[in-house]
Amino acid sequence: MNRNKVKQFLKKRLLSIIVILSISTFVIYQVIYTRYEARVPFANIKIYDPDEAIFYRIFGLQGHLMWGSTERFVFDDTERSYNPTDLLYGMPNMMSEFADSKEVLENNADSGFNFTNAYPGILFKIFPVLIALLTHIFLTIVLLGFAGWVLRKFIERNAKILAVITFQFYIWLLYAFTMGYFYKVFFMAIFLILYFAFLNIIKKRQLN
C-alpha cells in the first residue's frame, strides 16, 4: 500500500477511526478509574480522587526522575558526575540517586523492577543544562536519525530480513531514549559494522 492509498484510506475511514479511538479511550479510562477507585494507590501521598490519581500517574509518577533531576541538578546545582558512561546504565544510576534507601534498591533488583523514564534526566546528572541539551540533539540525530534512515533504506530495497533486524534495534534505541540503557546502542553498532564490512568485501571481490 503506497502513500497515496494510505491517505485515501485515512480520509475515507477518518470518522470511523475517531469513533474507535474515542470509544477505546473511554473504556480504558473507565477501567483505570474503577481500579483506582477501589485500590486508592496513592493514598500515601494523600491522593484519593481517581481522576487526580490518573493525572499524577501520567504526569507525575512517570516523569518523577525527570522532575527530580531537574530540581536537584538544575535548580539546586548539585555536583554533577561529568561521566558520559553513566548513560550506558542510566536507569540504575538514577535509581541509586533517587531511591529512598538501599533496601528499596535491593528489593527492586531482586524483583527486576525499574523506575520509569531515566532519560533525559540522566543528562542533567552528567552535564550542565546547555551541554545536556546539545548532547540530546547530537544523540537524537546520530542514533535515532541514522538508524531510522538505515531502516527506511532496507524497507525501500525490500530487504525484509535486514529491515526486521534493524527495526528491532530501533525499538531498543527508543527504549534507550526513555529508560536510559544506552549500552543497547552497541548491538546495533556491531550489526552495522559487520554489515558494511561485508558489503565492502563483496564490492572488492567484484572489482577483482
Protein backbone atom coordinates (compact mmCIF):
# COMPACT_ATOMS: atom_id res chain seq x y z
CA MET A 1 0.00 0.00 0.00
CA ASN A 2 1.67 3.25 -1.17
CA ARG A 3 1.45 6.66 0.48
CA ASN A 4 -1.45 7.92 -1.67
CA LYS A 5 -3.53 4.83 -0.95
CA VAL A 6 -2.86 5.25 2.77
CA LYS A 7 -4.01 8.88 2.60
CA GLN A 8 -7.17 7.90 0.71
CA PHE A 9 -7.88 5.13 3.21
CA LEU A 10 -7.46 7.52 6.16
CA LYS A 11 -9.74 10.11 4.55
CA LYS A 12 -12.47 7.53 3.91
CA ARG A 13 -12.17 5.96 7.37
CA LEU A 14 -11.37 9.11 9.37
CA LEU A 15 -14.73 9.24 11.16
CA SER A 16 -14.60 5.52 11.96
CA ILE A 17 -11.04 5.85 13.29
CA ILE A 18 -12.03 8.80 15.50
CA VAL A 19 -15.04 6.90 16.86
CA ILE A 20 -12.97 3.76 17.58
CA LEU A 21 -10.21 5.77 19.29
CA SER A 22 -12.77 7.71 21.35
CA ILE A 23 -14.55 4.54 22.50
CA SER A 24 -11.22 2.84 23.27
CA THR A 25 -10.04 5.85 25.28
CA PHE A 26 -13.29 5.97 27.24
CA VAL A 27 -13.19 2.23 28.00
CA ILE A 28 -9.55 2.41 29.16
CA TYR A 29 -10.35 5.46 31.29
CA GLN A 30 -13.31 3.70 32.91
CA VAL A 31 -11.26 0.58 33.68
CA ILE A 32 -8.44 2.61 35.27
CA TYR A 33 -10.91 4.86 37.12
CA THR A 34 -12.72 1.85 38.61
CA ARG A 35 -9.43 0.22 39.56
CA TYR A 36 -8.06 3.36 41.23
CA GLU A 37 -11.38 3.97 42.98
CA ALA A 38 -11.16 0.52 44.56
CA ARG A 39 -7.43 0.45 45.34
CA VAL A 40 -6.59 4.13 46.04
CA PRO A 41 -2.93 3.53 45.03
CA PHE A 42 -1.57 6.92 46.05
CA ALA A 43 -3.23 7.29 49.44
CA ASN A 44 0.26 7.51 50.97
CA ILE A 45 0.68 10.95 49.37
CA LYS A 46 -2.94 11.94 50.11
CA ILE A 47 -4.32 11.46 46.60
CA TYR A 48 -7.74 9.86 46.98
CA ASP A 49 -9.63 11.04 43.90
CA PRO A 50 -9.30 8.61 40.92
CA ASP A 51 -9.05 11.44 38.38
CA GLU A 52 -6.28 13.09 40.36
CA ALA A 53 -4.55 9.72 40.70
CA ILE A 54 -4.71 9.18 36.92
CA PHE A 55 -3.30 12.67 36.31
CA TYR A 56 -0.49 12.04 38.80
CA ARG A 57 0.28 8.67 37.25
CA ILE A 58 0.66 10.20 33.77
CA PHE A 59 2.43 13.48 34.52
CA GLY A 60 3.95 12.96 37.96
CA LEU A 61 4.96 9.39 38.61
CA GLN A 62 6.01 8.61 35.03
CA GLY A 63 8.32 11.62 35.00
CA HIS A 64 9.48 11.73 38.60
CA LEU A 65 13.12 11.06 37.68
CA MET A 66 12.98 13.94 35.20
CA TRP A 67 11.41 16.32 37.72
CA GLY A 68 13.76 15.10 40.45
CA SER A 69 16.90 15.59 38.37
CA THR A 70 15.67 19.00 37.23
CA GLU A 71 15.21 20.10 40.83
CA ARG A 72 18.42 18.55 42.15
CA PHE A 73 20.91 19.24 39.37
CA VAL A 74 19.43 22.28 37.59
CA PHE A 75 17.85 24.38 40.34
CA ASP A 76 19.80 23.17 43.39
CA ASP A 77 23.02 22.89 41.35
CA THR A 78 24.10 19.62 42.98
CA GLU A 79 27.53 18.38 41.88
CA ARG A 80 27.41 16.54 38.56
CA SER A 81 29.32 13.43 37.56
CA TYR A 82 30.66 14.66 34.17
CA ASN A 83 30.91 10.99 33.26
CA PRO A 84 29.28 10.18 29.88
CA THR A 85 29.49 6.43 30.61
CA ASP A 86 26.67 6.97 33.13
CA LEU A 87 24.41 6.92 30.06
CA LEU A 88 25.17 3.24 29.46
CA TYR A 89 23.17 2.25 32.54
CA GLY A 90 21.21 5.42 33.14
CA MET A 91 18.35 3.77 34.97
CA PRO A 92 20.42 2.12 37.75
CA ASN A 93 22.32 5.40 38.13
CA MET A 94 19.12 7.39 38.57
CA MET A 95 17.56 4.78 40.84
CA SER A 96 20.57 4.88 43.17
CA GLU A 97 20.35 8.67 43.12
CA PHE A 98 16.66 8.93 43.99
CA ALA A 99 15.73 5.72 45.80
CA ASP A 100 14.70 6.21 49.43
CA SER A 101 17.14 3.62 50.74
CA LYS A 102 19.47 0.76 49.85
CA GLU A 103 16.73 -1.63 50.90
CA VAL A 104 14.47 -0.22 48.18
CA LEU A 105 17.22 -0.72 45.59
CA GLU A 106 17.86 -4.29 46.71
CA ASN A 107 14.16 -5.15 46.61
CA ASN A 108 13.87 -3.62 43.14
CA ALA A 109 16.91 -5.58 41.93
CA ASP A 110 15.51 -8.85 43.29
CA SER A 111 12.14 -8.32 41.61
CA GLY A 112 13.55 -6.89 38.37
CA PHE A 113 11.58 -3.67 38.97
CA ASN A 114 12.68 -0.39 37.37
CA PHE A 115 11.64 3.21 37.79
CA THR A 116 10.45 4.97 34.62
CA ASN A 117 11.98 7.45 32.17
CA ALA A 118 15.58 7.83 33.36
CA TYR A 119 16.31 9.72 30.14
CA PRO A 120 16.72 12.67 29.62
CA GLY A 121 17.02 13.29 33.38
CA ILE A 122 20.32 11.36 33.45
CA LEU A 123 21.82 14.06 31.21
CA PHE A 124 21.24 16.67 33.94
CA LYS A 125 23.14 14.42 36.36
CA ILE A 126 26.10 14.33 33.96
CA PHE A 127 26.24 17.76 32.30
CA PRO A 128 25.08 21.38 32.78
CA VAL A 129 21.80 22.23 31.03
CA LEU A 130 23.25 23.65 27.79
CA ILE A 131 25.66 20.75 27.26
CA ALA A 132 22.87 18.30 28.18
CA LEU A 133 20.62 19.85 25.52
CA LEU A 134 23.36 19.74 22.87
CA THR A 135 24.14 16.13 23.82
CA HIS A 136 20.47 15.21 23.45
CA ILE A 137 20.30 16.82 20.00
CA PHE A 138 23.52 15.06 18.96
CA LEU A 139 22.33 11.65 20.18
CA THR A 140 18.94 12.10 18.53
CA ILE A 141 20.47 12.92 15.14
CA VAL A 142 23.33 10.41 15.22
CA LEU A 143 21.46 7.48 16.76
CA LEU A 144 17.73 7.79 16.10
CA GLY A 145 18.08 9.75 12.86
CA PHE A 146 20.73 7.49 11.34
CA ALA A 147 19.03 4.28 12.50
CA GLY A 148 15.73 5.50 11.03
CA TRP A 149 17.45 6.29 7.73
CA VAL A 150 19.06 2.82 7.59
CA LEU A 151 15.72 1.17 8.39
CA ARG A 152 13.99 3.15 5.67
CA LYS A 153 16.63 2.16 3.10
CA PHE A 154 16.24 -1.52 3.93
CA ILE A 155 12.46 -1.24 3.59
CA GLU A 156 12.70 0.62 0.26
CA ARG A 157 15.05 -2.05 -1.11
CA ASN A 158 12.73 -4.80 0.09
CA ALA A 159 15.47 -6.27 2.30
CA LYS A 160 12.93 -7.85 4.62
CA ILE A 161 15.22 -9.75 6.97
CA LEU A 162 17.60 -6.80 7.39
CA ALA A 163 14.61 -4.48 7.89
CA VAL A 164 13.20 -6.70 10.65
CA ILE A 165 16.59 -6.88 12.40
CA THR A 166 17.09 -3.12 12.10
CA PHE A 167 13.57 -2.46 13.35
CA GLN A 168 14.31 -4.48 16.49
CA PHE A 169 17.47 -2.45 17.06
CA TYR A 170 15.43 0.73 16.51
CA ILE A 171 13.00 -0.39 19.22
CA TRP A 172 15.99 -0.88 21.53
CA LEU A 173 17.14 2.65 20.70
CA LEU A 174 13.72 4.03 21.63
CA TYR A 175 13.99 2.09 24.89
CA ALA A 176 17.41 3.65 25.49
CA PHE A 177 15.93 7.10 24.90
CA THR A 178 13.30 6.54 27.60
CA MET A 179 14.88 4.25 30.20
CA GLY A 180 18.49 5.33 29.77
CA TYR A 181 20.00 1.95 28.83
CA PHE A 182 22.36 3.19 26.12
CA TYR A 183 24.51 0.07 26.23
CA LYS A 184 21.95 -1.32 23.76
CA VAL A 185 23.40 1.01 21.12
CA PHE A 186 26.45 -1.25 20.89
CA PHE A 187 24.38 -4.11 19.48
CA MET A 188 23.20 -2.03 16.54
CA ALA A 189 26.69 -0.58 16.04
CA ILE A 190 28.20 -4.08 15.82
CA PHE A 191 25.47 -5.18 13.39
CA LEU A 192 26.05 -2.18 11.10
CA ILE A 193 29.86 -2.55 11.23
CA LEU A 194 29.57 -6.20 10.22
CA TYR A 195 27.02 -5.39 7.50
CA PHE A 196 29.07 -2.60 5.90
CA ALA A 197 32.27 -4.66 6.23
CA PHE A 198 30.51 -7.49 4.40
CA LEU A 199 29.37 -5.10 1.64
CA ASN A 200 32.91 -3.77 1.32
CA ILE A 201 34.31 -7.30 0.93
CA ILE A 202 31.70 -8.14 -1.73
CA LYS A 203 32.50 -4.96 -3.70
CA LYS A 204 36.25 -5.65 -3.59
CA ARG A 205 35.70 -9.19 -4.87
CA GLN A 206 33.51 -7.91 -7.70
CA LEU A 207 36.20 -5.40 -8.71
CA ASN A 208 38.82 -8.12 -8.76
